[in-house]
Amino acid sequence: MGDRSEDKIEIILQRLKTKISQKPDNCHFSPAASEEEIKNLETDLSINVPHSYRTFLKNFNGGFVCSESIAKYIKKRNDLETAAWNSLFIFGTTEIREEYARLRDMNWKLSSDWQGVYPFIPFCSTENQEKLVFVLPLDENSESPVFDAFHEDPYTDWGILYNNFEDFLESYLDGSIKTIAPAKAKTAIDFVP
């Protein structure tokens, strides 16, 4: 990981900040997570989040950009929870902790004899309640591809949607998120320990 990657995530985050200032009714992001919050999350769950996602958390502890119709709904009902549920929502430390623990506790998508750290880190929920996930193992300077964890499909069929969180966030800001991987993409099984 070199300077170019650091520059890229910073440029993408600046784009997000600009979007938030230009469309405050559509952009709902929490203030930055502290380094201590992120470290506690990783220590408690025995995971490391990808480096670019860590940088995102240090700027925004989760959030979402919503459509015009959902922005009107929020103004009318002041209901951010329903709005987040109906938007592509990028998790903060609290949501990752809750989702990861829930999936780990039911050993979601893994055989009952799985040994080791639960390898799927959910970091995003789509409008259709599908999860976007990272796959372990990671060290604190690594990246993970982004996978769409389809509810009905085994992880052996989850193809790579994006090479990393940076590419995902850039597409998110462009308004063109893909949730179906190309047919010949590597799958999560290629990354699970």
N, C-alpha and C. Protein backbone atom coordinates (compact mmCIF):
# COMPACT_ATOMS: atom_id res chain seq x y z
N MET A 1 0.84 -1.17 0.00
CA MET A 1 0.00 0.00 0.00
C MET A 1 0.89 1.23 0.00
N GLY A 2 0.77 2.06 -1.02
CA GLY A 2 1.63 3.22 -1.14
C GLY A 2 0.86 4.52 -0.98
N ASP A 3 1.54 5.60 -1.28
CA ASP A 3 0.94 6.93 -1.15
C ASP A 3 -0.26 7.10 -2.07
N ARG A 4 -0.20 6.50 -3.25
CA ARG A 4 -1.28 6.66 -4.21
C ARG A 4 -2.61 6.23 -3.62
N SER A 5 -2.64 5.11 -2.91
CA SER A 5 -3.87 4.62 -2.31
C SER A 5 -4.35 5.59 -1.23
N GLU A 6 -3.41 6.10 -0.42
CA GLU A 6 -3.78 7.07 0.60
C GLU A 6 -4.39 8.30 -0.06
N ASP A 7 -3.78 8.76 -1.13
CA ASP A 7 -4.32 9.91 -1.84
C ASP A 7 -5.70 9.60 -2.40
N LYS A 8 -5.89 8.41 -2.94
CA LYS A 8 -7.17 8.05 -3.55
C LYS A 8 -8.30 8.07 -2.53
N ILE A 9 -8.12 7.45 -1.38
CA ILE A 9 -9.20 7.43 -0.39
C ILE A 9 -9.47 8.84 0.11
N GLU A 10 -8.43 9.65 0.26
CA GLU A 10 -8.64 11.03 0.72
C GLU A 10 -9.43 11.83 -0.32
N ILE A 11 -9.13 11.62 -1.60
CA ILE A 11 -9.86 12.31 -2.67
C ILE A 11 -11.33 11.87 -2.68
N ILE A 12 -11.56 10.58 -2.51
CA ILE A 12 -12.93 10.07 -2.50
C ILE A 12 -13.69 10.62 -1.28
N LEU A 13 -13.04 10.64 -0.13
CA LEU A 13 -13.69 11.19 1.07
C LEU A 13 -13.98 12.68 0.91
N GLN A 14 -13.10 13.40 0.22
CA GLN A 14 -13.37 14.82 -0.04
C GLN A 14 -14.59 14.97 -0.94
N ARG A 15 -14.74 14.08 -1.90
CA ARG A 15 -15.94 14.08 -2.76
C ARG A 15 -17.19 13.85 -1.92
N LEU A 16 -17.10 12.93 -0.96
CA LEU A 16 -18.25 12.66 -0.09
C LEU A 16 -18.57 13.90 0.75
N LYS A 17 -17.56 14.56 1.29
CA LYS A 17 -17.79 15.77 2.08
C LYS A 17 -18.45 16.86 1.24
N THR A 18 -18.02 16.98 0.00
CA THR A 18 -18.63 17.95 -0.90
C THR A 18 -20.09 17.61 -1.16
N LYS A 19 -20.36 16.34 -1.41
CA LYS A 19 -21.74 15.89 -1.65
C LYS A 19 -22.62 16.18 -0.44
N ILE A 20 -22.10 15.92 0.75
CA ILE A 20 -22.85 16.18 1.98
C ILE A 20 -23.18 17.66 2.11
N SER A 21 -22.21 18.52 1.79
CA SER A 21 -22.46 19.96 1.91
C SER A 21 -23.43 20.46 0.83
N GLN A 22 -23.42 19.81 -0.34
CA GLN A 22 -24.31 20.23 -1.43
C GLN A 22 -25.73 19.68 -1.29
N LYS A 23 -25.86 18.50 -0.68
CA LYS A 23 -27.18 17.85 -0.56
C LYS A 23 -27.39 17.35 0.87
N PRO A 24 -27.44 18.27 1.83
CA PRO A 24 -27.55 17.84 3.23
C PRO A 24 -28.83 17.06 3.56
N ASP A 25 -29.90 17.29 2.82
CA ASP A 25 -31.15 16.55 3.08
C ASP A 25 -31.07 15.10 2.63
N ASN A 26 -30.13 14.81 1.73
CA ASN A 26 -29.98 13.46 1.19
C ASN A 26 -28.84 12.67 1.83
N CYS A 27 -27.98 13.34 2.55
CA CYS A 27 -26.78 12.70 3.09
C CYS A 27 -26.82 12.68 4.61
N HIS A 28 -26.75 11.49 5.14
CA HIS A 28 -26.88 11.31 6.60
C HIS A 28 -25.72 10.43 7.09
N PHE A 29 -24.67 11.08 7.54
CA PHE A 29 -23.47 10.39 8.01
C PHE A 29 -23.17 10.80 9.44
N SER A 30 -22.71 9.85 10.22
CA SER A 30 -22.36 10.10 11.62
C SER A 30 -20.97 10.70 11.71
N PRO A 31 -20.70 11.42 12.80
CA PRO A 31 -19.35 11.96 12.99
C PRO A 31 -18.32 10.83 13.08
N ALA A 32 -17.08 11.20 12.92
CA ALA A 32 -15.97 10.24 12.88
C ALA A 32 -15.93 9.33 14.10
N ALA A 33 -15.49 8.10 13.86
CA ALA A 33 -15.19 7.17 14.96
C ALA A 33 -13.78 7.48 15.44
N SER A 34 -13.54 7.29 16.71
CA SER A 34 -12.20 7.50 17.24
C SER A 34 -11.35 6.27 16.95
N GLU A 35 -10.05 6.46 17.00
CA GLU A 35 -9.13 5.32 16.82
C GLU A 35 -9.40 4.27 17.90
N GLU A 36 -9.74 4.72 19.10
CA GLU A 36 -10.04 3.79 20.19
C GLU A 36 -11.29 2.96 19.88
N GLU A 37 -12.33 3.58 19.34
CA GLU A 37 -13.55 2.83 18.97
C GLU A 37 -13.23 1.76 17.93
N ILE A 38 -12.42 2.12 16.94
CA ILE A 38 -12.08 1.18 15.88
C ILE A 38 -11.24 0.04 16.44
N LYS A 39 -10.23 0.37 17.24
CA LYS A 39 -9.38 -0.66 17.85
C LYS A 39 -10.19 -1.58 18.75
N ASN A 40 -11.11 -1.02 19.55
CA ASN A 40 -11.97 -1.85 20.41
C ASN A 40 -12.83 -2.80 19.59
N LEU A 41 -13.37 -2.32 18.49
CA LEU A 41 -14.15 -3.17 17.59
C LEU A 41 -13.31 -4.34 17.11
N GLU A 42 -12.11 -4.04 16.63
CA GLU A 42 -11.24 -5.07 16.09
C GLU A 42 -10.79 -6.05 17.17
N THR A 43 -10.45 -5.54 18.33
CA THR A 43 -10.01 -6.40 19.42
C THR A 43 -11.15 -7.29 19.91
N ASP A 44 -12.31 -6.70 20.13
CA ASP A 44 -13.46 -7.46 20.64
C ASP A 44 -13.89 -8.56 19.69
N LEU A 45 -13.80 -8.31 18.38
CA LEU A 45 -14.25 -9.29 17.40
C LEU A 45 -13.11 -10.13 16.82
N SER A 46 -11.87 -9.82 17.20
CA SER A 46 -10.68 -10.51 16.67
C SER A 46 -10.57 -10.39 15.15
N ILE A 47 -10.82 -9.18 14.66
CA ILE A 47 -10.75 -8.91 13.22
C ILE A 47 -9.90 -7.66 12.99
N ASN A 48 -9.58 -7.41 11.73
CA ASN A 48 -9.03 -6.14 11.29
C ASN A 48 -9.89 -5.68 10.13
N VAL A 49 -10.32 -4.43 10.15
CA VAL A 49 -11.08 -3.90 9.02
C VAL A 49 -10.10 -3.42 7.96
N PRO A 50 -10.49 -3.44 6.70
CA PRO A 50 -9.59 -2.97 5.65
C PRO A 50 -9.14 -1.52 5.88
N HIS A 51 -7.93 -1.25 5.45
CA HIS A 51 -7.31 0.06 5.68
C HIS A 51 -8.16 1.22 5.15
N SER A 52 -8.67 1.12 3.93
CA SER A 52 -9.45 2.23 3.37
C SER A 52 -10.77 2.42 4.11
N TYR A 53 -11.35 1.32 4.58
CA TYR A 53 -12.58 1.41 5.37
C TYR A 53 -12.28 2.05 6.73
N ARG A 54 -11.13 1.73 7.31
CA ARG A 54 -10.70 2.35 8.57
C ARG A 54 -10.60 3.87 8.37
N THR A 55 -10.04 4.29 7.24
CA THR A 55 -9.92 5.72 6.95
C THR A 55 -11.30 6.35 6.82
N PHE A 56 -12.24 5.64 6.18
CA PHE A 56 -13.62 6.11 6.11
C PHE A 56 -14.19 6.32 7.51
N LEU A 57 -14.02 5.31 8.39
CA LEU A 57 -14.56 5.39 9.75
C LEU A 57 -13.96 6.56 10.53
N LYS A 58 -12.70 6.89 10.25
CA LYS A 58 -12.07 8.01 10.93
C LYS A 58 -12.64 9.35 10.46
N ASN A 59 -13.41 9.32 9.38
CA ASN A 59 -14.08 10.52 8.87
C ASN A 59 -15.58 10.48 9.11
N PHE A 60 -16.18 9.30 8.94
CA PHE A 60 -17.63 9.12 9.09
C PHE A 60 -17.87 7.75 9.72
N ASN A 61 -18.55 7.72 10.84
CA ASN A 61 -18.83 6.45 11.50
C ASN A 61 -20.15 5.88 10.97
N GLY A 62 -20.17 5.65 9.64
CA GLY A 62 -21.34 5.09 8.98
C GLY A 62 -22.28 6.16 8.45
N GLY A 63 -23.18 5.71 7.57
CA GLY A 63 -24.18 6.63 7.04
C GLY A 63 -24.66 6.23 5.68
N PHE A 64 -25.46 7.11 5.08
CA PHE A 64 -26.06 6.80 3.78
C PHE A 64 -26.43 8.06 3.02
N VAL A 65 -26.53 7.89 1.70
CA VAL A 65 -27.07 8.91 0.81
C VAL A 65 -28.41 8.36 0.36
N CYS A 66 -29.46 9.14 0.51
CA CYS A 66 -30.79 8.64 0.14
C CYS A 66 -31.34 9.34 -1.10
N SER A 67 -32.37 8.73 -1.65
CA SER A 67 -33.05 9.28 -2.82
C SER A 67 -33.87 10.50 -2.41
N GLU A 68 -34.35 11.23 -3.41
CA GLU A 68 -35.20 12.40 -3.15
C GLU A 68 -36.48 12.02 -2.42
N SER A 69 -37.08 10.88 -2.81
CA SER A 69 -38.34 10.47 -2.16
C SER A 69 -38.10 10.13 -0.69
N ILE A 70 -36.98 9.49 -0.39
CA ILE A 70 -36.68 9.16 1.01
C ILE A 70 -36.31 10.43 1.77
N ALA A 71 -35.66 11.38 1.13
CA ALA A 71 -35.34 12.67 1.79
C ALA A 71 -36.63 13.38 2.18
N LYS A 72 -37.63 13.33 1.31
CA LYS A 72 -38.94 13.93 1.63
C LYS A 72 -39.59 13.20 2.80
N TYR A 73 -39.46 11.87 2.80
CA TYR A 73 -40.01 11.06 3.90
C TYR A 73 -39.37 11.46 5.22
N ILE A 74 -38.04 11.62 5.22
CA ILE A 74 -37.33 12.00 6.44
C ILE A 74 -37.83 13.35 6.96
N LYS A 75 -37.98 14.31 6.04
CA LYS A 75 -38.47 15.64 6.45
C LYS A 75 -39.86 15.56 7.05
N LYS A 76 -40.70 14.72 6.46
CA LYS A 76 -42.09 14.62 6.90
C LYS A 76 -42.20 13.86 8.23
N ARG A 77 -41.46 12.76 8.36
CA ARG A 77 -41.63 11.87 9.52
C ARG A 77 -40.46 11.90 10.50
N ASN A 78 -39.35 12.50 10.11
CA ASN A 78 -38.15 12.52 10.96
C ASN A 78 -37.77 11.11 11.40
N ASP A 79 -37.73 10.19 10.43
CA ASP A 79 -37.49 8.77 10.72
C ASP A 79 -36.25 8.29 9.97
N LEU A 80 -35.09 8.53 10.55
CA LEU A 80 -33.83 8.14 9.91
C LEU A 80 -33.66 6.62 9.87
N GLU A 81 -34.18 5.91 10.85
CA GLU A 81 -34.01 4.46 10.89
C GLU A 81 -34.68 3.80 9.68
N THR A 82 -35.92 4.19 9.39
CA THR A 82 -36.61 3.63 8.21
C THR A 82 -35.91 4.07 6.94
N ALA A 83 -35.45 5.31 6.90
CA ALA A 83 -34.74 5.81 5.72
C ALA A 83 -33.46 5.02 5.48
N ALA A 84 -32.72 4.74 6.54
CA ALA A 84 -31.48 3.95 6.41
C ALA A 84 -31.82 2.54 5.92
N TRP A 85 -32.88 1.96 6.43
CA TRP A 85 -33.30 0.61 6.04
C TRP A 85 -33.61 0.53 4.54
N ASN A 86 -34.11 1.63 3.99
CA ASN A 86 -34.50 1.66 2.58
C ASN A 86 -33.46 2.31 1.68
N SER A 87 -32.26 2.45 2.17
CA SER A 87 -31.15 3.02 1.41
C SER A 87 -29.96 2.08 1.49
N LEU A 88 -28.98 2.30 0.64
CA LEU A 88 -27.73 1.57 0.77
C LEU A 88 -26.99 2.22 1.93
N PHE A 89 -26.85 1.49 3.03
CA PHE A 89 -26.35 2.02 4.29
C PHE A 89 -24.97 1.44 4.59
N ILE A 90 -23.97 2.29 4.72
CA ILE A 90 -22.61 1.87 5.08
C ILE A 90 -22.53 1.88 6.60
N PHE A 91 -22.18 0.74 7.17
CA PHE A 91 -22.17 0.59 8.61
C PHE A 91 -21.06 1.39 9.28
N GLY A 92 -21.35 1.82 10.50
CA GLY A 92 -20.36 2.36 11.40
C GLY A 92 -19.94 1.25 12.36
N THR A 93 -19.16 1.60 13.36
CA THR A 93 -18.64 0.60 14.28
C THR A 93 -19.74 -0.13 15.04
N THR A 94 -20.79 0.56 15.44
CA THR A 94 -21.89 -0.08 16.17
C THR A 94 -22.60 -1.11 15.31
N GLU A 95 -22.92 -0.75 14.07
CA GLU A 95 -23.64 -1.66 13.18
C GLU A 95 -22.78 -2.86 12.80
N ILE A 96 -21.48 -2.64 12.58
CA ILE A 96 -20.60 -3.78 12.28
C ILE A 96 -20.57 -4.72 13.48
N ARG A 97 -20.41 -4.17 14.64
CA ARG A 97 -20.34 -4.99 15.86
C ARG A 97 -21.61 -5.84 15.98
N GLU A 98 -22.77 -5.23 15.80
CA GLU A 98 -24.05 -5.95 15.95
C GLU A 98 -24.24 -7.00 14.85
N GLU A 99 -24.00 -6.60 13.59
CA GLU A 99 -24.21 -7.52 12.46
C GLU A 99 -23.21 -8.66 12.48
N TYR A 100 -21.97 -8.34 12.74
CA TYR A 100 -20.93 -9.37 12.77
C TYR A 100 -21.25 -10.39 13.85
N ALA A 101 -21.59 -9.92 15.06
CA ALA A 101 -21.90 -10.83 16.16
C ALA A 101 -23.11 -11.70 15.83
N ARG A 102 -24.13 -11.10 15.21
CA ARG A 102 -25.32 -11.87 14.85
C ARG A 102 -25.00 -12.97 13.84
N LEU A 103 -24.26 -12.62 12.81
CA LEU A 103 -23.90 -13.60 11.78
C LEU A 103 -22.95 -14.66 12.34
N ARG A 104 -21.97 -14.24 13.12
CA ARG A 104 -21.02 -15.17 13.73
C ARG A 104 -21.73 -16.15 14.65
N ASP A 105 -22.66 -15.63 15.46
CA ASP A 105 -23.33 -16.48 16.45
C ASP A 105 -24.19 -17.56 15.80
N MET A 106 -24.67 -17.30 14.60
CA MET A 106 -25.43 -18.36 13.92
C MET A 106 -24.56 -19.08 12.88
N ASN A 107 -23.25 -18.76 12.88
CA ASN A 107 -22.31 -19.37 11.94
C ASN A 107 -22.84 -19.28 10.51
N TRP A 108 -23.36 -18.11 10.19
CA TRP A 108 -24.04 -17.87 8.93
C TRP A 108 -23.17 -18.24 7.73
N LYS A 109 -23.68 -19.11 6.90
CA LYS A 109 -23.07 -19.55 5.63
C LYS A 109 -21.89 -20.50 5.80
N LEU A 110 -21.53 -20.86 7.02
CA LEU A 110 -20.42 -21.78 7.24
C LEU A 110 -20.93 -23.09 7.82
N SER A 111 -20.16 -24.14 7.64
CA SER A 111 -20.54 -25.43 8.20
C SER A 111 -20.43 -25.37 9.72
N SER A 112 -21.16 -26.22 10.38
CA SER A 112 -21.18 -26.22 11.85
C SER A 112 -19.83 -26.57 12.46
N ASP A 113 -18.95 -27.19 11.69
CA ASP A 113 -17.64 -27.56 12.23
C ASP A 113 -16.56 -26.50 11.93
N TRP A 114 -16.98 -25.29 11.51
CA TRP A 114 -16.01 -24.23 11.22
C TRP A 114 -15.17 -23.93 12.45
N GLN A 115 -13.89 -23.85 12.27
CA GLN A 115 -12.96 -23.50 13.34
C GLN A 115 -12.29 -22.18 12.99
N GLY A 116 -12.03 -21.37 13.96
CA GLY A 116 -11.32 -20.13 13.72
C GLY A 116 -12.23 -18.91 13.78
N VAL A 117 -11.63 -17.77 13.46
CA VAL A 117 -12.35 -16.50 13.49
C VAL A 117 -13.38 -16.49 12.36
N TYR A 118 -14.57 -16.01 12.66
CA TYR A 118 -15.61 -15.90 11.63
C TYR A 118 -15.10 -14.97 10.54
N PRO A 119 -15.09 -15.40 9.26
CA PRO A 119 -14.35 -14.67 8.23
C PRO A 119 -15.09 -13.57 7.47
N PHE A 120 -16.40 -13.38 7.70
CA PHE A 120 -17.16 -12.40 6.91
C PHE A 120 -17.48 -11.16 7.74
N ILE A 121 -17.00 -10.01 7.28
CA ILE A 121 -17.24 -8.75 7.98
C ILE A 121 -18.29 -7.96 7.19
N PRO A 122 -19.53 -7.92 7.67
CA PRO A 122 -20.55 -7.14 6.97
C PRO A 122 -20.30 -5.65 7.21
N PHE A 123 -20.27 -4.86 6.13
CA PHE A 123 -20.00 -3.44 6.30
C PHE A 123 -21.06 -2.57 5.65
N CYS A 124 -22.04 -3.20 5.00
CA CYS A 124 -23.03 -2.42 4.26
C CYS A 124 -24.28 -3.26 4.05
N SER A 125 -25.42 -2.59 4.03
CA SER A 125 -26.68 -3.24 3.73
C SER A 125 -27.32 -2.52 2.55
N THR A 126 -27.75 -3.26 1.55
CA THR A 126 -28.37 -2.65 0.37
C THR A 126 -29.84 -2.36 0.64
N GLU A 127 -30.48 -1.69 -0.31
CA GLU A 127 -31.91 -1.39 -0.20
C GLU A 127 -32.74 -2.67 -0.09
N ASN A 128 -32.21 -3.78 -0.60
CA ASN A 128 -32.91 -5.08 -0.56
C ASN A 128 -32.48 -5.94 0.62
N GLN A 129 -31.75 -5.36 1.53
CA GLN A 129 -31.29 -6.01 2.75
C GLN A 129 -30.28 -7.13 2.49
N GLU A 130 -29.59 -7.08 1.36
CA GLU A 130 -28.45 -7.95 1.13
C GLU A 130 -27.25 -7.30 1.82
N LYS A 131 -26.32 -8.11 2.25
CA LYS A 131 -25.13 -7.59 2.91
C LYS A 131 -23.97 -7.53 1.94
N LEU A 132 -23.20 -6.47 2.01
CA LEU A 132 -21.91 -6.41 1.35
C LEU A 132 -20.88 -6.69 2.43
N VAL A 133 -19.89 -7.54 2.11
CA VAL A 133 -18.96 -8.00 3.13
C VAL A 133 -17.51 -7.94 2.66
N PHE A 134 -16.63 -7.85 3.64
CA PHE A 134 -15.20 -8.09 3.46
C PHE A 134 -14.95 -9.51 3.94
N VAL A 135 -13.82 -10.10 3.50
CA VAL A 135 -13.45 -11.44 3.94
C VAL A 135 -12.08 -11.38 4.61
N LEU A 136 -11.96 -12.04 5.75
CA LEU A 136 -10.68 -12.16 6.45
C LEU A 136 -9.83 -13.20 5.74
N PRO A 137 -8.55 -13.40 6.05
CA PRO A 137 -7.81 -12.67 7.07
C PRO A 137 -7.26 -11.36 6.53
N LEU A 138 -7.18 -10.40 7.39
CA LEU A 138 -6.62 -9.10 7.04
C LEU A 138 -5.68 -8.66 8.15
N ASP A 139 -4.63 -7.94 7.77
CA ASP A 139 -3.89 -7.22 8.79
C ASP A 139 -4.31 -5.76 8.66
N GLU A 140 -3.84 -4.92 9.54
CA GLU A 140 -4.38 -3.57 9.57
C GLU A 140 -4.04 -2.72 8.35
N ASN A 141 -3.11 -3.16 7.52
CA ASN A 141 -2.77 -2.40 6.32
C ASN A 141 -3.29 -3.05 5.04
N SER A 142 -4.09 -4.09 5.17
CA SER A 142 -4.58 -4.82 4.00
C SER A 142 -5.92 -4.29 3.52
N GLU A 143 -6.25 -4.71 2.32
CA GLU A 143 -7.55 -4.46 1.74
C GLU A 143 -8.23 -5.80 1.50
N SER A 144 -9.51 -5.78 1.36
CA SER A 144 -10.29 -6.96 1.00
C SER A 144 -11.16 -6.58 -0.17
N PRO A 145 -11.39 -7.50 -1.09
CA PRO A 145 -12.41 -7.22 -2.09
C PRO A 145 -13.77 -7.07 -1.40
N VAL A 146 -14.71 -6.49 -2.11
CA VAL A 146 -16.09 -6.35 -1.63
C VAL A 146 -16.91 -7.43 -2.32
N PHE A 147 -17.66 -8.20 -1.50
CA PHE A 147 -18.51 -9.28 -1.99
C PHE A 147 -19.96 -9.00 -1.63
N ASP A 148 -20.87 -9.38 -2.50
CA ASP A 148 -22.29 -9.31 -2.19
C ASP A 148 -22.70 -10.65 -1.60
N ALA A 149 -23.04 -10.65 -0.32
CA ALA A 149 -23.39 -11.88 0.39
C ALA A 149 -24.88 -12.18 0.20
N PHE A 150 -25.24 -12.65 -0.99
CA PHE A 150 -26.63 -12.98 -1.27
C PHE A 150 -27.15 -13.95 -0.23
N HIS A 151 -28.32 -13.68 0.30
CA HIS A 151 -28.92 -14.54 1.33
C HIS A 151 -29.06 -15.98 0.86
N GLU A 152 -29.48 -16.15 -0.39
CA GLU A 152 -29.80 -17.50 -0.87
C GLU A 152 -28.59 -18.26 -1.41
N ASP A 153 -27.48 -17.59 -1.62
CA ASP A 153 -26.32 -18.24 -2.22
C ASP A 153 -25.26 -18.60 -1.17
N PRO A 154 -24.56 -19.71 -1.36
CA PRO A 154 -23.43 -20.02 -0.47
C PRO A 154 -22.27 -19.08 -0.79
N TYR A 155 -21.37 -18.90 0.17
CA TYR A 155 -20.26 -17.97 -0.04
C TYR A 155 -19.36 -18.41 -1.19
N THR A 156 -19.42 -19.68 -1.57
CA THR A 156 -18.61 -20.15 -2.69
C THR A 156 -19.06 -19.49 -4.00
N ASP A 157 -20.25 -18.88 -4.00
CA ASP A 157 -20.77 -18.21 -5.20
C ASP A 157 -20.73 -16.69 -5.12
N TRP A 158 -20.27 -16.13 -4.01
CA TRP A 158 -20.21 -14.67 -3.90
C TRP A 158 -19.03 -14.16 -4.70
N GLY A 159 -19.30 -13.49 -5.80
CA GLY A 159 -18.23 -12.96 -6.64
C GLY A 159 -17.76 -11.59 -6.17
N ILE A 160 -16.57 -11.22 -6.59
CA ILE A 160 -16.02 -9.91 -6.24
C ILE A 160 -16.79 -8.83 -6.99
N LEU A 161 -17.34 -7.90 -6.23
CA LEU A 161 -18.01 -6.73 -6.82
C LEU A 161 -17.02 -5.60 -7.08
N TYR A 162 -16.15 -5.38 -6.11
CA TYR A 162 -15.15 -4.32 -6.18
C TYR A 162 -13.85 -4.85 -5.62
N ASN A 163 -12.74 -4.35 -6.13
CA ASN A 163 -11.44 -4.81 -5.66
C ASN A 163 -11.15 -4.38 -4.23
N ASN A 164 -11.80 -3.29 -3.78
CA ASN A 164 -11.57 -2.79 -2.44
C ASN A 164 -12.66 -1.78 -2.08
N PHE A 165 -12.62 -1.30 -0.85
CA PHE A 165 -13.61 -0.34 -0.37
C PHE A 165 -13.52 0.98 -1.12
N GLU A 166 -12.31 1.40 -1.49
CA GLU A 166 -12.15 2.65 -2.25
C GLU A 166 -12.98 2.61 -3.54
N ASP A 167 -12.84 1.52 -4.29
CA ASP A 167 -13.58 1.39 -5.56
C ASP A 167 -15.09 1.38 -5.31
N PHE A 168 -15.50 0.69 -4.24
CA PHE A 168 -16.92 0.66 -3.87
C PHE A 168 -17.42 2.07 -3.57
N LEU A 169 -16.70 2.80 -2.71
CA LEU A 169 -17.15 4.13 -2.30
C LEU A 169 -17.18 5.10 -3.48
N GLU A 170 -16.23 4.97 -4.37
CA GLU A 170 -16.21 5.81 -5.56
C GLU A 170 -17.46 5.55 -6.41
N SER A 171 -17.81 4.28 -6.61
CA SER A 171 -19.02 3.94 -7.37
C SER A 171 -20.27 4.42 -6.65
N TYR A 172 -20.28 4.29 -5.33
CA TYR A 172 -21.40 4.75 -4.52
C TYR A 172 -21.65 6.24 -4.75
N LEU A 173 -20.59 7.02 -4.75
CA LEU A 173 -20.72 8.46 -4.97
C LEU A 173 -21.13 8.79 -6.40
N ASP A 174 -20.76 7.91 -7.34
CA ASP A 174 -21.17 8.09 -8.73
C ASP A 174 -22.62 7.67 -8.95
N GLY A 175 -23.21 7.00 -7.94
CA GLY A 175 -24.59 6.54 -8.05
C GLY A 175 -24.77 5.30 -8.88
N SER A 176 -23.72 4.50 -8.99
CA SER A 176 -23.80 3.32 -9.87
C SER A 176 -23.30 2.05 -9.18
N ILE A 177 -23.86 1.72 -8.04
CA ILE A 177 -23.44 0.53 -7.31
C ILE A 177 -23.89 -0.73 -8.04
N LYS A 178 -22.96 -1.67 -8.21
CA LYS A 178 -23.32 -2.96 -8.76
C LYS A 178 -23.44 -3.96 -7.63
N THR A 179 -24.39 -4.87 -7.74
CA THR A 179 -24.57 -5.90 -6.72
C THR A 179 -24.53 -7.30 -7.32
N ILE A 180 -24.21 -7.39 -8.60
CA ILE A 180 -24.05 -8.70 -9.23
C ILE A 180 -22.65 -8.73 -9.85
N ALA A 181 -21.88 -9.69 -9.40
CA ALA A 181 -20.49 -9.80 -9.86
C ALA A 181 -20.44 -10.36 -11.28
N PRO A 182 -19.39 -10.02 -12.02
CA PRO A 182 -19.19 -10.62 -13.34
C PRO A 182 -19.09 -12.14 -13.23
N ALA A 183 -19.49 -12.83 -14.26
CA ALA A 183 -19.56 -14.30 -14.24
C ALA A 183 -18.23 -14.97 -13.90
N LYS A 184 -17.13 -14.42 -14.34
CA LYS A 184 -15.84 -15.08 -14.13
C LYS A 184 -15.04 -14.50 -12.96
N ALA A 185 -15.71 -13.74 -12.10
CA ALA A 185 -15.01 -13.13 -10.97
C ALA A 185 -14.60 -14.20 -9.96
N LYS A 186 -13.48 -13.93 -9.28
CA LYS A 186 -13.11 -14.81 -8.16
C LYS A 186 -14.22 -14.71 -7.13
N THR A 187 -14.35 -15.77 -6.33
CA THR A 187 -15.40 -15.77 -5.31
C THR A 187 -14.80 -15.75 -3.91
N ALA A 188 -15.66 -15.60 -2.93
CA ALA A 188 -15.21 -15.53 -1.54
C ALA A 188 -14.42 -16.76 -1.11
N ILE A 189 -14.72 -17.91 -1.70
CA ILE A 189 -13.98 -19.12 -1.30
C ILE A 189 -12.48 -18.99 -1.59
N ASP A 190 -12.14 -18.14 -2.56
CA ASP A 190 -10.73 -17.93 -2.88
C ASP A 190 -10.01 -17.12 -1.81
N PHE A 191 -10.77 -16.54 -0.87
CA PHE A 191 -10.18 -15.67 0.15
C PHE A 191 -10.39 -16.17 1.57
N VAL A 192 -11.34 -17.07 1.77
CA VAL A 192 -11.60 -17.60 3.11
C VAL A 192 -10.44 -18.51 3.52
N PRO A 193 -9.93 -18.33 4.74
CA PRO A 193 -8.79 -19.16 5.16
C PRO A 193 -9.12 -20.64 5.23
